[in-house]
Amino acid sequence: RLLELRAAHAAARDAVHTPLDVDALT
C-alpha cells in the first residue's frame, strides 16, 4: 500500500510538470 501511494504521488507530480505537446494537440 505504501508503494502504491508513492506511485500515485509521483504520477500526480508528473501530471503537473509534464509539458503539453501543443503541436500534437493542435
mmCIF file of all heavy atoms, coordinates in Angstrom:
data_MODEL
# 
_entry.id   MODEL 
# 
loop_
_atom_site.group_PDB 
_atom_site.id 
_atom_site.type_symbol 
_atom_site.label_atom_id 
_atom_site.label_alt_id 
_atom_site.label_comp_id 
_atom_site.label_asym_id 
_atom_site.label_entity_id 
_atom_site.label_seq_id 
_atom_site.pdbx_PDB_ins_code 
_atom_site.Cartn_x 
_atom_site.Cartn_y 
_atom_site.Cartn_z 
_atom_site.occupancy 
_atom_site.B_iso_or_equiv 
_atom_site.pdbx_formal_charge 
_atom_site.auth_seq_id 
_atom_site.auth_comp_id 
_atom_site.auth_asym_id 
_atom_site.auth_atom_id 
_atom_site.pdbx_PDB_model_num 
ATOM 1   N N   . ARG A 1 1  ? 0.830  -1.207 0.000   1.00 0.00 ? 1  ARG A N   1 
ATOM 2   C CA  . ARG A 1 1  ? 0.000  0.000  0.000   1.00 0.00 ? 1  ARG A CA  1 
ATOM 3   C C   . ARG A 1 1  ? 0.866  1.259  0.000   1.00 0.00 ? 1  ARG A C   1 
ATOM 4   O O   . ARG A 1 1  ? 0.534  2.255  -0.643  1.00 0.00 ? 1  ARG A O   1 
ATOM 5   C CB  . ARG A 1 1  ? -0.910 0.010  1.238   1.00 0.00 ? 1  ARG A CB  1 
ATOM 6   C CG  . ARG A 1 1  ? -1.836 -1.187 1.375   1.00 0.00 ? 1  ARG A CG  1 
ATOM 7   C CD  . ARG A 1 1  ? -2.954 -1.188 0.336   1.00 0.00 ? 1  ARG A CD  1 
ATOM 8   N NE  . ARG A 1 1  ? -2.540 -1.750 -0.932  1.00 0.00 ? 1  ARG A NE  1 
ATOM 9   C CZ  . ARG A 1 1  ? -2.446 -3.041 -1.188  1.00 0.00 ? 1  ARG A CZ  1 
ATOM 10  N NH1 . ARG A 1 1  ? -2.731 -3.918 -0.253  1.00 0.00 ? 1  ARG A NH1 1 
ATOM 11  N NH2 . ARG A 1 1  ? -2.089 -3.462 -2.381  1.00 0.00 ? 1  ARG A NH2 1 
ATOM 12  N N   . LEU A 1 2  ? 1.980  1.232  0.718   1.00 0.00 ? 2  LEU A N   1 
ATOM 13  C CA  . LEU A 1 2  ? 2.879  2.381  0.755   1.00 0.00 ? 2  LEU A CA  1 
ATOM 14  C C   . LEU A 1 2  ? 3.467  2.644  -0.629  1.00 0.00 ? 2  LEU A C   1 
ATOM 15  O O   . LEU A 1 2  ? 3.548  3.793  -1.079  1.00 0.00 ? 2  LEU A O   1 
ATOM 16  C CB  . LEU A 1 2  ? 3.993  2.135  1.771   1.00 0.00 ? 2  LEU A CB  1 
ATOM 17  C CG  . LEU A 1 2  ? 5.023  3.261  1.917   1.00 0.00 ? 2  LEU A CG  1 
ATOM 18  C CD1 . LEU A 1 2  ? 4.345  4.547  2.359   1.00 0.00 ? 2  LEU A CD1 1 
ATOM 19  C CD2 . LEU A 1 2  ? 6.113  2.845  2.908   1.00 0.00 ? 2  LEU A CD2 1 
ATOM 20  N N   . LEU A 1 3  ? 3.858  1.590  -1.328  1.00 0.00 ? 3  LEU A N   1 
ATOM 21  C CA  . LEU A 1 3  ? 4.405  1.750  -2.676  1.00 0.00 ? 3  LEU A CA  1 
ATOM 22  C C   . LEU A 1 3  ? 3.348  2.287  -3.638  1.00 0.00 ? 3  LEU A C   1 
ATOM 23  O O   . LEU A 1 3  ? 3.653  3.092  -4.520  1.00 0.00 ? 3  LEU A O   1 
ATOM 24  C CB  . LEU A 1 3  ? 4.964  0.418  -3.177  1.00 0.00 ? 3  LEU A CB  1 
ATOM 25  C CG  . LEU A 1 3  ? 6.208  -0.107 -2.433  1.00 0.00 ? 3  LEU A CG  1 
ATOM 26  C CD1 . LEU A 1 3  ? 6.592  -1.491 -2.961  1.00 0.00 ? 3  LEU A CD1 1 
ATOM 27  C CD2 . LEU A 1 3  ? 7.368  0.868  -2.576  1.00 0.00 ? 3  LEU A CD2 1 
ATOM 28  N N   . GLU A 1 4  ? 2.100  1.841  -3.457  1.00 0.00 ? 4  GLU A N   1 
ATOM 29  C CA  . GLU A 1 4  ? 1.019  2.369  -4.303  1.00 0.00 ? 4  GLU A CA  1 
ATOM 30  C C   . GLU A 1 4  ? 0.837  3.869  -4.088  1.00 0.00 ? 4  GLU A C   1 
ATOM 31  O O   . GLU A 1 4  ? 0.631  4.632  -5.041  1.00 0.00 ? 4  GLU A O   1 
ATOM 32  C CB  . GLU A 1 4  ? -0.285 1.628  -4.000  1.00 0.00 ? 4  GLU A CB  1 
ATOM 33  C CG  . GLU A 1 4  ? -0.317 0.198  -4.492  1.00 0.00 ? 4  GLU A CG  1 
ATOM 34  C CD  . GLU A 1 4  ? -1.539 -0.560 -3.995  1.00 0.00 ? 4  GLU A CD  1 
ATOM 35  O OE1 . GLU A 1 4  ? -2.334 0.053  -3.231  1.00 0.00 ? 4  GLU A OE1 1 
ATOM 36  O OE2 . GLU A 1 4  ? -1.690 -1.742 -4.336  1.00 0.00 ? 4  GLU A OE2 1 
ATOM 37  N N   . LEU A 1 5  ? 0.894  4.312  -2.818  1.00 0.00 ? 5  LEU A N   1 
ATOM 38  C CA  . LEU A 1 5  ? 0.748  5.730  -2.515  1.00 0.00 ? 5  LEU A CA  1 
ATOM 39  C C   . LEU A 1 5  ? 1.889  6.541  -3.125  1.00 0.00 ? 5  LEU A C   1 
ATOM 40  O O   . LEU A 1 5  ? 1.669  7.624  -3.684  1.00 0.00 ? 5  LEU A O   1 
ATOM 41  C CB  . LEU A 1 5  ? 0.704  5.944  -1.006  1.00 0.00 ? 5  LEU A CB  1 
ATOM 42  C CG  . LEU A 1 5  ? -0.603 5.556  -0.304  1.00 0.00 ? 5  LEU A CG  1 
ATOM 43  C CD1 . LEU A 1 5  ? -0.419 5.582  1.205   1.00 0.00 ? 5  LEU A CD1 1 
ATOM 44  C CD2 . LEU A 1 5  ? -1.719 6.507  -0.706  1.00 0.00 ? 5  LEU A CD2 1 
ATOM 45  N N   . ARG A 1 6  ? 3.104  6.020  -3.022  1.00 0.00 ? 6  ARG A N   1 
ATOM 46  C CA  . ARG A 1 6  ? 4.235  6.745  -3.592  1.00 0.00 ? 6  ARG A CA  1 
ATOM 47  C C   . ARG A 1 6  ? 4.134  6.817  -5.115  1.00 0.00 ? 6  ARG A C   1 
ATOM 48  O O   . ARG A 1 6  ? 4.462  7.840  -5.717  1.00 0.00 ? 6  ARG A O   1 
ATOM 49  C CB  . ARG A 1 6  ? 5.537  6.065  -3.173  1.00 0.00 ? 6  ARG A CB  1 
ATOM 50  C CG  . ARG A 1 6  ? 5.867  6.266  -1.688  1.00 0.00 ? 6  ARG A CG  1 
ATOM 51  C CD  . ARG A 1 6  ? 7.161  5.581  -1.300  1.00 0.00 ? 6  ARG A CD  1 
ATOM 52  N NE  . ARG A 1 6  ? 7.523  5.875  0.084   1.00 0.00 ? 6  ARG A NE  1 
ATOM 53  C CZ  . ARG A 1 6  ? 8.563  5.338  0.712   1.00 0.00 ? 6  ARG A CZ  1 
ATOM 54  N NH1 . ARG A 1 6  ? 9.341  4.463  0.063   1.00 0.00 ? 6  ARG A NH1 1 
ATOM 55  N NH2 . ARG A 1 6  ? 8.824  5.659  1.964   1.00 0.00 ? 6  ARG A NH2 1 
ATOM 56  N N   . ALA A 1 7  ? 3.656  5.765  -5.730  1.00 0.00 ? 7  ALA A N   1 
ATOM 57  C CA  . ALA A 1 7  ? 3.478  5.775  -7.184  1.00 0.00 ? 7  ALA A CA  1 
ATOM 58  C C   . ALA A 1 7  ? 2.399  6.770  -7.597  1.00 0.00 ? 7  ALA A C   1 
ATOM 59  O O   . ALA A 1 7  ? 2.546  7.484  -8.593  1.00 0.00 ? 7  ALA A O   1 
ATOM 60  C CB  . ALA A 1 7  ? 3.127  4.371  -7.681  1.00 0.00 ? 7  ALA A CB  1 
ATOM 61  N N   . ALA A 1 8  ? 1.314  6.826  -6.825  1.00 0.00 ? 8  ALA A N   1 
ATOM 62  C CA  . ALA A 1 8  ? 0.237  7.765  -7.128  1.00 0.00 ? 8  ALA A CA  1 
ATOM 63  C C   . ALA A 1 8  ? 0.716  9.204  -6.975  1.00 0.00 ? 8  ALA A C   1 
ATOM 64  O O   . ALA A 1 8  ? 0.373  10.080 -7.781  1.00 0.00 ? 8  ALA A O   1 
ATOM 65  C CB  . ALA A 1 8  ? -0.960 7.504  -6.217  1.00 0.00 ? 8  ALA A CB  1 
ATOM 66  N N   . HIS A 1 9  ? 1.523  9.458  -5.937  1.00 0.00 ? 9  HIS A N   1 
ATOM 67  C CA  . HIS A 1 9  ? 2.053  10.804 -5.741  1.00 0.00 ? 9  HIS A CA  1 
ATOM 68  C C   . HIS A 1 9  ? 2.987  11.194 -6.879  1.00 0.00 ? 9  HIS A C   1 
ATOM 69  O O   . HIS A 1 9  ? 2.940  12.334 -7.378  1.00 0.00 ? 9  HIS A O   1 
ATOM 70  C CB  . HIS A 1 9  ? 2.796  10.873 -4.408  1.00 0.00 ? 9  HIS A CB  1 
ATOM 71  C CG  . HIS A 1 9  ? 3.291  12.236 -4.058  1.00 0.00 ? 9  HIS A CG  1 
ATOM 72  N ND1 . HIS A 1 9  ? 4.619  12.579 -4.094  1.00 0.00 ? 9  HIS A ND1 1 
ATOM 73  C CD2 . HIS A 1 9  ? 2.631  13.357 -3.685  1.00 0.00 ? 9  HIS A CD2 1 
ATOM 74  C CE1 . HIS A 1 9  ? 4.765  13.848 -3.754  1.00 0.00 ? 9  HIS A CE1 1 
ATOM 75  N NE2 . HIS A 1 9  ? 3.572  14.345 -3.497  1.00 0.00 ? 9  HIS A NE2 1 
ATOM 76  N N   . ALA A 1 10 ? 3.798  10.259 -7.327  1.00 0.00 ? 10 ALA A N   1 
ATOM 77  C CA  . ALA A 1 10 ? 4.700  10.541 -8.447  1.00 0.00 ? 10 ALA A CA  1 
ATOM 78  C C   . ALA A 1 10 ? 3.914  10.817 -9.722  1.00 0.00 ? 10 ALA A C   1 
ATOM 79  O O   . ALA A 1 10 ? 4.268  11.712 -10.499 1.00 0.00 ? 10 ALA A O   1 
ATOM 80  C CB  . ALA A 1 10 ? 5.651  9.359  -8.657  1.00 0.00 ? 10 ALA A CB  1 
ATOM 81  N N   . ALA A 1 11 ? 2.833  10.061 -9.938  1.00 0.00 ? 11 ALA A N   1 
ATOM 82  C CA  . ALA A 1 11 ? 2.007  10.276 -11.128 1.00 0.00 ? 11 ALA A CA  1 
ATOM 83  C C   . ALA A 1 11 ? 1.359  11.658 -11.094 1.00 0.00 ? 11 ALA A C   1 
ATOM 84  O O   . ALA A 1 11 ? 1.255  12.341 -12.126 1.00 0.00 ? 11 ALA A O   1 
ATOM 85  C CB  . ALA A 1 11 ? 0.936  9.195  -11.229 1.00 0.00 ? 11 ALA A CB  1 
ATOM 86  N N   . ALA A 1 12 ? 0.923  12.097 -9.899  1.00 0.00 ? 12 ALA A N   1 
ATOM 87  C CA  . ALA A 1 12 ? 0.321  13.425 -9.770  1.00 0.00 ? 12 ALA A CA  1 
ATOM 88  C C   . ALA A 1 12 ? 1.343  14.516 -10.062 1.00 0.00 ? 12 ALA A C   1 
ATOM 89  O O   . ALA A 1 12 ? 1.045  15.501 -10.749 1.00 0.00 ? 12 ALA A O   1 
ATOM 90  C CB  . ALA A 1 12 ? -0.264 13.604 -8.369  1.00 0.00 ? 12 ALA A CB  1 
ATOM 91  N N   . ARG A 1 13 ? 2.553  14.362 -9.567  1.00 0.00 ? 13 ARG A N   1 
ATOM 92  C CA  . ARG A 1 13 ? 3.606  15.350 -9.847  1.00 0.00 ? 13 ARG A CA  1 
ATOM 93  C C   . ARG A 1 13 ? 3.929  15.380 -11.340 1.00 0.00 ? 13 ARG A C   1 
ATOM 94  O O   . ARG A 1 13 ? 4.109  16.459 -11.924 1.00 0.00 ? 13 ARG A O   1 
ATOM 95  C CB  . ARG A 1 13 ? 4.859  15.028 -9.032  1.00 0.00 ? 13 ARG A CB  1 
ATOM 96  C CG  . ARG A 1 13 ? 4.706  15.287 -7.543  1.00 0.00 ? 13 ARG A CG  1 
ATOM 97  C CD  . ARG A 1 13 ? 5.969  14.890 -6.798  1.00 0.00 ? 13 ARG A CD  1 
ATOM 98  N NE  . ARG A 1 13 ? 7.126  15.633 -7.273  1.00 0.00 ? 13 ARG A NE  1 
ATOM 99  C CZ  . ARG A 1 13 ? 7.504  16.824 -6.818  1.00 0.00 ? 13 ARG A CZ  1 
ATOM 100 N NH1 . ARG A 1 13 ? 6.804  17.407 -5.846  1.00 0.00 ? 13 ARG A NH1 1 
ATOM 101 N NH2 . ARG A 1 13 ? 8.569  17.426 -7.280  1.00 0.00 ? 13 ARG A NH2 1 
ATOM 102 N N   . ASP A 1 14 ? 4.015  14.211 -11.952 1.00 0.00 ? 14 ASP A N   1 
ATOM 103 C CA  . ASP A 1 14 ? 4.289  14.154 -13.388 1.00 0.00 ? 14 ASP A CA  1 
ATOM 104 C C   . ASP A 1 14 ? 3.196  14.858 -14.177 1.00 0.00 ? 14 ASP A C   1 
ATOM 105 O O   . ASP A 1 14 ? 3.464  15.542 -15.172 1.00 0.00 ? 14 ASP A O   1 
ATOM 106 C CB  . ASP A 1 14 ? 4.407  12.706 -13.852 1.00 0.00 ? 14 ASP A CB  1 
ATOM 107 C CG  . ASP A 1 14 ? 5.719  12.056 -13.450 1.00 0.00 ? 14 ASP A CG  1 
ATOM 108 O OD1 . ASP A 1 14 ? 6.633  12.799 -13.020 1.00 0.00 ? 14 ASP A OD1 1 
ATOM 109 O OD2 . ASP A 1 14 ? 5.840  10.825 -13.549 1.00 0.00 ? 14 ASP A OD2 1 
ATOM 110 N N   . ALA A 1 15 ? 1.938  14.687 -13.761 1.00 0.00 ? 15 ALA A N   1 
ATOM 111 C CA  . ALA A 1 15 ? 0.819  15.314 -14.474 1.00 0.00 ? 15 ALA A CA  1 
ATOM 112 C C   . ALA A 1 15 ? 0.925  16.829 -14.436 1.00 0.00 ? 15 ALA A C   1 
ATOM 113 O O   . ALA A 1 15 ? 0.560  17.514 -15.398 1.00 0.00 ? 15 ALA A O   1 
ATOM 114 C CB  . ALA A 1 15 ? -0.506 14.858 -13.866 1.00 0.00 ? 15 ALA A CB  1 
ATOM 115 N N   . VAL A 1 16 ? 1.437  17.366 -13.332 1.00 0.00 ? 16 VAL A N   1 
ATOM 116 C CA  . VAL A 1 16 ? 1.593  18.815 -13.204 1.00 0.00 ? 16 VAL A CA  1 
ATOM 117 C C   . VAL A 1 16 ? 2.750  19.338 -14.054 1.00 0.00 ? 16 VAL A C   1 
ATOM 118 O O   . VAL A 1 16 ? 2.641  20.368 -14.720 1.00 0.00 ? 16 VAL A O   1 
ATOM 119 C CB  . VAL A 1 16 ? 1.815  19.208 -11.725 1.00 0.00 ? 16 VAL A CB  1 
ATOM 120 C CG1 . VAL A 1 16 ? 2.190  20.687 -11.612 1.00 0.00 ? 16 VAL A CG1 1 
ATOM 121 C CG2 . VAL A 1 16 ? 0.566  18.919 -10.909 1.00 0.00 ? 16 VAL A CG2 1 
ATOM 122 N N   . HIS A 1 17 ? 3.850  18.616 -14.047 1.00 0.00 ? 17 HIS A N   1 
ATOM 123 C CA  . HIS A 1 17 ? 5.089  19.145 -14.617 1.00 0.00 ? 17 HIS A CA  1 
ATOM 124 C C   . HIS A 1 17 ? 5.341  18.742 -16.075 1.00 0.00 ? 17 HIS A C   1 
ATOM 125 O O   . HIS A 1 17 ? 6.141  19.399 -16.747 1.00 0.00 ? 17 HIS A O   1 
ATOM 126 C CB  . HIS A 1 17 ? 6.273  18.707 -13.759 1.00 0.00 ? 17 HIS A CB  1 
ATOM 127 C CG  . HIS A 1 17 ? 6.325  19.371 -12.418 1.00 0.00 ? 17 HIS A CG  1 
ATOM 128 N ND1 . HIS A 1 17 ? 6.749  20.673 -12.233 1.00 0.00 ? 17 HIS A ND1 1 
ATOM 129 C CD2 . HIS A 1 17 ? 5.959  18.922 -11.189 1.00 0.00 ? 17 HIS A CD2 1 
ATOM 130 C CE1 . HIS A 1 17 ? 6.677  20.993 -10.959 1.00 0.00 ? 17 HIS A CE1 1 
ATOM 131 N NE2 . HIS A 1 17 ? 6.196  19.954 -10.297 1.00 0.00 ? 17 HIS A NE2 1 
ATOM 132 N N   . THR A 1 18 ? 4.709  17.685 -16.564 1.00 0.00 ? 18 THR A N   1 
ATOM 133 C CA  . THR A 1 18 ? 4.937  17.283 -17.954 1.00 0.00 ? 18 THR A CA  1 
ATOM 134 C C   . THR A 1 18 ? 4.300  18.305 -18.884 1.00 0.00 ? 18 THR A C   1 
ATOM 135 O O   . THR A 1 18 ? 3.094  18.545 -18.818 1.00 0.00 ? 18 THR A O   1 
ATOM 136 C CB  . THR A 1 18 ? 4.339  15.893 -18.224 1.00 0.00 ? 18 THR A CB  1 
ATOM 137 O OG1 . THR A 1 18 ? 4.944  14.941 -17.338 1.00 0.00 ? 18 THR A OG1 1 
ATOM 138 C CG2 . THR A 1 18 ? 4.596  15.474 -19.672 1.00 0.00 ? 18 THR A CG2 1 
ATOM 139 N N   . PRO A 1 19 ? 5.076  18.926 -19.774 1.00 0.00 ? 19 PRO A N   1 
ATOM 140 C CA  . PRO A 1 19 ? 4.511  19.981 -20.629 1.00 0.00 ? 19 PRO A CA  1 
ATOM 141 C C   . PRO A 1 19 ? 3.530  19.433 -21.649 1.00 0.00 ? 19 PRO A C   1 
ATOM 142 O O   . PRO A 1 19 ? 3.609  18.274 -22.068 1.00 0.00 ? 19 PRO A O   1 
ATOM 143 C CB  . PRO A 1 19 ? 5.744  20.587 -21.306 1.00 0.00 ? 19 PRO A CB  1 
ATOM 144 C CG  . PRO A 1 19 ? 6.771  19.501 -21.266 1.00 0.00 ? 19 PRO A CG  1 
ATOM 145 C CD  . PRO A 1 19 ? 6.519  18.733 -20.004 1.00 0.00 ? 19 PRO A CD  1 
ATOM 146 N N   . LEU A 1 20 ? 2.592  20.269 -22.031 1.00 0.00 ? 20 LEU A N   1 
ATOM 147 C CA  . LEU A 1 20 ? 1.613  19.915 -23.049 1.00 0.00 ? 20 LEU A CA  1 
ATOM 148 C C   . LEU A 1 20 ? 2.280  19.905 -24.418 1.00 0.00 ? 20 LEU A C   1 
ATOM 149 O O   . LEU A 1 20 ? 3.011  20.834 -24.775 1.00 0.00 ? 20 LEU A O   1 
ATOM 150 C CB  . LEU A 1 20 ? 0.472  20.938 -23.037 1.00 0.00 ? 20 LEU A CB  1 
ATOM 151 C CG  . LEU A 1 20 ? -0.668 20.718 -24.029 1.00 0.00 ? 20 LEU A CG  1 
ATOM 152 C CD1 . LEU A 1 20 ? -1.439 19.456 -23.703 1.00 0.00 ? 20 LEU A CD1 1 
ATOM 153 C CD2 . LEU A 1 20 ? -1.604 21.931 -24.015 1.00 0.00 ? 20 LEU A CD2 1 
ATOM 154 N N   . ASP A 1 21 ? 2.038  18.854 -25.195 1.00 0.00 ? 21 ASP A N   1 
ATOM 155 C CA  . ASP A 1 21 ? 2.514  18.795 -26.579 1.00 0.00 ? 21 ASP A CA  1 
ATOM 156 C C   . ASP A 1 21 ? 1.524  19.577 -27.432 1.00 0.00 ? 21 ASP A C   1 
ATOM 157 O O   . ASP A 1 21 ? 0.531  19.036 -27.922 1.00 0.00 ? 21 ASP A O   1 
ATOM 158 C CB  . ASP A 1 21 ? 2.610  17.336 -27.048 1.00 0.00 ? 21 ASP A CB  1 
ATOM 159 C CG  . ASP A 1 21 ? 3.263  17.195 -28.414 1.00 0.00 ? 21 ASP A CG  1 
ATOM 160 O OD1 . ASP A 1 21 ? 3.241  18.178 -29.194 1.00 0.00 ? 21 ASP A OD1 1 
ATOM 161 O OD2 . ASP A 1 21 ? 3.777  16.099 -28.725 1.00 0.00 ? 21 ASP A OD2 1 
ATOM 162 N N   . VAL A 1 22 ? 1.785  20.863 -27.589 1.00 0.00 ? 22 VAL A N   1 
ATOM 163 C CA  . VAL A 1 22 ? 0.847  21.761 -28.249 1.00 0.00 ? 22 VAL A CA  1 
ATOM 164 C C   . VAL A 1 22 ? 0.672  21.394 -29.717 1.00 0.00 ? 22 VAL A C   1 
ATOM 165 O O   . VAL A 1 22 ? -0.444 21.434 -30.250 1.00 0.00 ? 22 VAL A O   1 
ATOM 166 C CB  . VAL A 1 22 ? 1.306  23.222 -28.099 1.00 0.00 ? 22 VAL A CB  1 
ATOM 167 C CG1 . VAL A 1 22 ? 0.369  24.164 -28.850 1.00 0.00 ? 22 VAL A CG1 1 
ATOM 168 C CG2 . VAL A 1 22 ? 1.349  23.603 -26.627 1.00 0.00 ? 22 VAL A CG2 1 
ATOM 169 N N   . ASP A 1 23 ? 1.751  21.034 -30.385 1.00 0.00 ? 23 ASP A N   1 
ATOM 170 C CA  . ASP A 1 23 ? 1.654  20.680 -31.804 1.00 0.00 ? 23 ASP A CA  1 
ATOM 171 C C   . ASP A 1 23 ? 0.728  19.484 -32.014 1.00 0.00 ? 23 ASP A C   1 
ATOM 172 O O   . ASP A 1 23 ? -0.155 19.504 -32.881 1.00 0.00 ? 23 ASP A O   1 
ATOM 173 C CB  . ASP A 1 23 ? 3.033  20.364 -32.383 1.00 0.00 ? 23 ASP A CB  1 
ATOM 174 C CG  . ASP A 1 23 ? 3.910  21.596 -32.502 1.00 0.00 ? 23 ASP A CG  1 
ATOM 175 O OD1 . ASP A 1 23 ? 3.357  22.716 -32.559 1.00 0.00 ? 23 ASP A OD1 1 
ATOM 176 O OD2 . ASP A 1 23 ? 5.146  21.444 -32.538 1.00 0.00 ? 23 ASP A OD2 1 
ATOM 177 N N   . ALA A 1 24 ? 0.930  18.441 -31.213 1.00 0.00 ? 24 ALA A N   1 
ATOM 178 C CA  . ALA A 1 24 ? 0.108  17.234 -31.362 1.00 0.00 ? 24 ALA A CA  1 
ATOM 179 C C   . ALA A 1 24 ? -1.349 17.526 -31.035 1.00 0.00 ? 24 ALA A C   1 
ATOM 180 O O   . ALA A 1 24 ? -2.263 17.071 -31.733 1.00 0.00 ? 24 ALA A O   1 
ATOM 181 C CB  . ALA A 1 24 ? 0.644  16.123 -30.464 1.00 0.00 ? 24 ALA A CB  1 
ATOM 182 N N   . LEU A 1 25 ? -1.583 18.297 -29.969 1.00 0.00 ? 25 LEU A N   1 
ATOM 183 C CA  . LEU A 1 25 ? -2.960 18.610 -29.582 1.00 0.00 ? 25 LEU A CA  1 
ATOM 184 C C   . LEU A 1 25 ? -3.631 19.485 -30.641 1.00 0.00 ? 25 LEU A C   1 
ATOM 185 O O   . LEU A 1 25 ? -4.796 19.249 -30.994 1.00 0.00 ? 25 LEU A O   1 
ATOM 186 C CB  . LEU A 1 25 ? -2.976 19.320 -28.230 1.00 0.00 ? 25 LEU A CB  1 
ATOM 187 C CG  . LEU A 1 25 ? -4.364 19.722 -27.714 1.00 0.00 ? 25 LEU A CG  1 
ATOM 188 C CD1 . LEU A 1 25 ? -5.255 18.502 -27.527 1.00 0.00 ? 25 LEU A CD1 1 
ATOM 189 C CD2 . LEU A 1 25 ? -4.250 20.522 -26.419 1.00 0.00 ? 25 LEU A CD2 1 
ATOM 190 N N   . THR A 1 26 ? -2.924 20.464 -31.160 1.00 0.00 ? 26 THR A N   1 
ATOM 191 C CA  . THR A 1 26 ? -3.494 21.340 -32.183 1.00 0.00 ? 26 THR A CA  1 
ATOM 192 C C   . THR A 1 26 ? -3.876 20.546 -33.421 1.00 0.00 ? 26 THR A C   1 
ATOM 193 O O   . THR A 1 26 ? -4.929 20.787 -34.033 1.00 0.00 ? 26 THR A O   1 
ATOM 194 C CB  . THR A 1 26 ? -2.498 22.454 -32.544 1.00 0.00 ? 26 THR A CB  1 
ATOM 195 O OG1 . THR A 1 26 ? -2.199 23.222 -31.373 1.00 0.00 ? 26 THR A OG1 1 
ATOM 196 C CG2 . THR A 1 26 ? -3.080 23.382 -33.598 1.00 0.00 ? 26 THR A CG2 1 
# 
